Amino acid sequence: MNFSVYEIIFFTIFVSVIIGIILYFLSYFFVYKDYNYEKVSIYECGFDPFSDIFIPFEVHYYLISILFIIFDIEISFIFP
C-alpha cells in the first residue's frame, strides 16, 4: 500500500488521541481516592475548601501585594 504523507500524519494524530483518551479513563478508574482529614480540612488561610466561591476578600491583602510589586521593581532599577 502506498500511503500519502497526509494519511500518515492523520493516522499518527488519531492513534495519539485514542491512546490519550484510553490512558485518561484508565487513570480515572484505577486511582486510589483517599479522603483523609488533612485533605478535606480548612486551608491555612482559614477558607473552607468546599464553600461558596464568592467569598468577600479583604482589600488589605491586595494593597500589600501591589506595594510589594512596586517596591520590588523599584529596587531592581536602583541596583543594576
N, C-alpha and C. Protein backbone atom coordinates (compact mmCIF):
# COMPACT_ATOMS: atom_id res chain seq x y z
N MET A 1 0.84 -1.18 0.00
CA MET A 1 0.00 0.00 0.00
C MET A 1 0.88 1.24 0.00
N ASN A 2 0.44 2.20 -0.74
CA ASN A 2 1.19 3.44 -0.85
C ASN A 2 0.39 4.55 -0.16
N PHE A 3 0.83 4.93 1.06
CA PHE A 3 0.14 5.98 1.82
C PHE A 3 0.75 7.33 1.51
N SER A 4 -0.10 8.34 1.47
CA SER A 4 0.43 9.69 1.30
C SER A 4 0.88 10.23 2.65
N VAL A 5 1.58 11.32 2.62
CA VAL A 5 2.11 11.93 3.85
C VAL A 5 0.96 12.36 4.75
N TYR A 6 -0.11 12.88 4.18
CA TYR A 6 -1.24 13.35 4.98
C TYR A 6 -1.94 12.19 5.69
N GLU A 7 -2.04 11.05 5.04
CA GLU A 7 -2.66 9.90 5.68
C GLU A 7 -1.84 9.41 6.86
N ILE A 8 -0.54 9.43 6.75
CA ILE A 8 0.34 9.01 7.85
C ILE A 8 0.21 9.97 9.02
N ILE A 9 0.19 11.28 8.74
CA ILE A 9 0.05 12.28 9.80
C ILE A 9 -1.31 12.14 10.47
N PHE A 10 -2.39 11.95 9.70
CA PHE A 10 -3.72 11.79 10.27
C PHE A 10 -3.79 10.53 11.13
N PHE A 11 -3.20 9.45 10.65
CA PHE A 11 -3.20 8.20 11.42
C PHE A 11 -2.43 8.36 12.73
N THR A 12 -1.30 9.05 12.69
CA THR A 12 -0.49 9.27 13.90
C THR A 12 -1.27 10.11 14.91
N ILE A 13 -1.92 11.18 14.46
CA ILE A 13 -2.71 12.03 15.36
C ILE A 13 -3.88 11.24 15.92
N PHE A 14 -4.54 10.44 15.08
CA PHE A 14 -5.68 9.64 15.53
C PHE A 14 -5.27 8.63 16.60
N VAL A 15 -4.16 7.94 16.38
CA VAL A 15 -3.68 6.96 17.36
C VAL A 15 -3.27 7.66 18.65
N SER A 16 -2.64 8.83 18.58
CA SER A 16 -2.24 9.58 19.76
C SER A 16 -3.46 10.00 20.58
N VAL A 17 -4.50 10.47 19.93
CA VAL A 17 -5.71 10.89 20.64
C VAL A 17 -6.38 9.69 21.29
N ILE A 18 -6.47 8.58 20.59
CA ILE A 18 -7.09 7.38 21.15
C ILE A 18 -6.30 6.88 22.36
N ILE A 19 -4.97 6.84 22.28
CA ILE A 19 -4.15 6.41 23.41
C ILE A 19 -4.31 7.36 24.59
N GLY A 20 -4.37 8.68 24.32
CA GLY A 20 -4.57 9.66 25.38
C GLY A 20 -5.90 9.49 26.08
N ILE A 21 -6.97 9.24 25.32
CA ILE A 21 -8.29 9.05 25.91
C ILE A 21 -8.32 7.78 26.75
N ILE A 22 -7.72 6.70 26.23
CA ILE A 22 -7.69 5.45 26.98
C ILE A 22 -6.92 5.61 28.28
N LEU A 23 -5.77 6.26 28.24
CA LEU A 23 -4.98 6.46 29.46
C LEU A 23 -5.70 7.36 30.46
N TYR A 24 -6.41 8.36 29.97
CA TYR A 24 -7.16 9.24 30.87
C TYR A 24 -8.23 8.46 31.62
N PHE A 25 -9.00 7.66 30.91
CA PHE A 25 -10.06 6.91 31.58
C PHE A 25 -9.52 5.79 32.45
N LEU A 26 -8.40 5.18 32.07
CA LEU A 26 -7.79 4.17 32.93
C LEU A 26 -7.32 4.79 34.24
N SER A 27 -6.70 5.96 34.16
CA SER A 27 -6.25 6.61 35.39
C SER A 27 -7.42 7.09 36.23
N TYR A 28 -8.53 7.43 35.61
CA TYR A 28 -9.71 7.86 36.36
C TYR A 28 -10.33 6.70 37.13
N PHE A 29 -10.36 5.52 36.52
CA PHE A 29 -10.99 4.38 37.17
C PHE A 29 -10.09 3.66 38.16
N PHE A 30 -8.78 3.68 37.96
CA PHE A 30 -7.88 2.91 38.81
C PHE A 30 -7.16 3.72 39.88
N VAL A 31 -7.51 4.98 40.02
CA VAL A 31 -6.83 5.80 41.02
C VAL A 31 -7.41 5.49 42.41
N TYR A 32 -6.55 5.56 43.40
CA TYR A 32 -6.97 5.31 44.77
C TYR A 32 -7.38 6.65 45.39
N LYS A 33 -8.63 6.78 45.74
CA LYS A 33 -9.14 8.03 46.31
C LYS A 33 -9.19 7.91 47.82
N ASP A 34 -8.31 8.63 48.49
CA ASP A 34 -8.25 8.59 49.95
C ASP A 34 -8.56 9.99 50.47
N TYR A 35 -9.75 10.16 51.01
CA TYR A 35 -10.16 11.45 51.55
C TYR A 35 -9.92 11.44 53.06
N ASN A 36 -8.74 11.82 53.46
CA ASN A 36 -8.46 11.87 54.89
C ASN A 36 -8.75 13.27 55.44
N TYR A 37 -8.54 13.43 56.73
CA TYR A 37 -8.90 14.69 57.40
C TYR A 37 -8.08 15.87 56.87
N GLU A 38 -6.80 15.66 56.59
CA GLU A 38 -5.96 16.77 56.15
C GLU A 38 -6.38 17.29 54.78
N LYS A 39 -6.86 16.41 53.91
CA LYS A 39 -7.24 16.85 52.57
C LYS A 39 -8.53 17.65 52.56
N VAL A 40 -9.46 17.32 53.43
CA VAL A 40 -10.75 18.00 53.40
C VAL A 40 -10.88 19.04 54.50
N SER A 41 -9.82 19.33 55.22
CA SER A 41 -9.89 20.32 56.28
C SER A 41 -9.72 21.73 55.72
N ILE A 42 -9.89 22.71 56.56
CA ILE A 42 -9.78 24.11 56.17
C ILE A 42 -8.31 24.43 55.88
N TYR A 43 -8.08 25.26 54.87
CA TYR A 43 -6.73 25.66 54.50
C TYR A 43 -6.09 26.52 55.59
N GLU A 44 -4.79 26.78 55.45
CA GLU A 44 -4.09 27.60 56.44
C GLU A 44 -4.61 29.03 56.46
N CYS A 45 -5.15 29.50 55.35
CA CYS A 45 -5.64 30.87 55.29
C CYS A 45 -7.00 31.01 55.97
N GLY A 46 -7.65 29.90 56.32
CA GLY A 46 -8.91 29.96 57.03
C GLY A 46 -10.13 29.80 56.15
N PHE A 47 -9.95 29.63 54.84
CA PHE A 47 -11.09 29.45 53.95
C PHE A 47 -11.51 27.98 53.94
N ASP A 48 -12.79 27.76 53.91
CA ASP A 48 -13.32 26.41 53.79
C ASP A 48 -13.18 25.97 52.33
N PRO A 49 -12.55 24.83 52.03
CA PRO A 49 -12.32 24.46 50.63
C PRO A 49 -13.58 24.10 49.86
N PHE A 50 -14.68 23.80 50.53
CA PHE A 50 -15.89 23.40 49.84
C PHE A 50 -17.03 24.36 50.11
N SER A 51 -16.73 25.63 50.19
CA SER A 51 -17.77 26.62 50.41
C SER A 51 -18.03 27.38 49.12
N ASP A 52 -18.83 28.42 49.21
CA ASP A 52 -19.16 29.23 48.05
C ASP A 52 -17.91 29.92 47.52
N ILE A 53 -17.81 30.05 46.20
CA ILE A 53 -16.60 30.65 45.62
C ILE A 53 -16.57 32.16 45.75
N PHE A 54 -17.72 32.78 45.97
CA PHE A 54 -17.77 34.23 46.08
C PHE A 54 -17.68 34.63 47.54
N ILE A 55 -16.46 34.60 48.06
CA ILE A 55 -16.22 34.95 49.45
C ILE A 55 -15.70 36.39 49.49
N PRO A 56 -16.24 37.23 50.36
CA PRO A 56 -15.69 38.59 50.46
C PRO A 56 -14.24 38.53 50.91
N PHE A 57 -13.39 39.23 50.19
CA PHE A 57 -11.95 39.17 50.45
C PHE A 57 -11.47 40.55 50.86
N GLU A 58 -10.56 40.60 51.80
CA GLU A 58 -10.05 41.87 52.30
C GLU A 58 -9.20 42.56 51.22
N VAL A 59 -9.46 43.84 51.02
CA VAL A 59 -8.68 44.63 50.06
C VAL A 59 -7.27 44.85 50.59
N HIS A 60 -7.10 44.73 51.87
CA HIS A 60 -5.82 44.93 52.54
C HIS A 60 -4.74 44.02 51.92
N TYR A 61 -5.10 42.78 51.60
CA TYR A 61 -4.13 41.84 51.02
C TYR A 61 -3.70 42.29 49.63
N TYR A 62 -4.65 42.79 48.83
CA TYR A 62 -4.31 43.28 47.51
C TYR A 62 -3.38 44.49 47.59
N LEU A 63 -3.64 45.40 48.51
CA LEU A 63 -2.80 46.59 48.64
C LEU A 63 -1.37 46.21 49.03
N ILE A 64 -1.23 45.26 49.93
CA ILE A 64 0.11 44.84 50.34
C ILE A 64 0.83 44.19 49.17
N SER A 65 0.13 43.38 48.38
CA SER A 65 0.79 42.74 47.24
C SER A 65 1.18 43.75 46.18
N ILE A 66 0.33 44.74 45.94
CA ILE A 66 0.68 45.77 44.95
C ILE A 66 1.86 46.60 45.43
N LEU A 67 1.91 46.95 46.71
CA LEU A 67 3.06 47.68 47.25
C LEU A 67 4.34 46.85 47.14
N PHE A 68 4.23 45.57 47.41
CA PHE A 68 5.41 44.70 47.29
C PHE A 68 5.91 44.69 45.85
N ILE A 69 5.02 44.57 44.88
CA ILE A 69 5.44 44.54 43.47
C ILE A 69 6.06 45.86 43.07
N ILE A 70 5.47 46.98 43.49
CA ILE A 70 6.01 48.30 43.13
C ILE A 70 7.41 48.49 43.70
N PHE A 71 7.59 48.17 44.98
CA PHE A 71 8.91 48.38 45.59
C PHE A 71 9.92 47.35 45.10
N ASP A 72 9.47 46.17 44.73
CA ASP A 72 10.38 45.18 44.18
C ASP A 72 10.92 45.64 42.84
N ILE A 73 10.06 46.19 42.00
CA ILE A 73 10.52 46.71 40.70
C ILE A 73 11.39 47.93 40.90
N GLU A 74 11.05 48.78 41.84
CA GLU A 74 11.84 49.98 42.10
C GLU A 74 13.25 49.61 42.55
N ILE A 75 13.36 48.63 43.41
CA ILE A 75 14.69 48.20 43.90
C ILE A 75 15.50 47.59 42.76
N SER A 76 14.84 46.90 41.84
CA SER A 76 15.59 46.33 40.71
C SER A 76 16.14 47.43 39.80
N PHE A 77 15.47 48.58 39.73
CA PHE A 77 16.01 49.69 38.95
C PHE A 77 17.11 50.44 39.69
N ILE A 78 17.08 50.46 41.01
CA ILE A 78 18.09 51.16 41.77
C ILE A 78 19.42 50.42 41.71
N PHE A 79 19.38 49.11 41.89
CA PHE A 79 20.61 48.30 41.90
C PHE A 79 20.74 47.56 40.58
N PRO A 80 21.55 48.08 39.65
CA PRO A 80 21.68 47.42 38.34
C PRO A 80 22.49 46.15 38.38
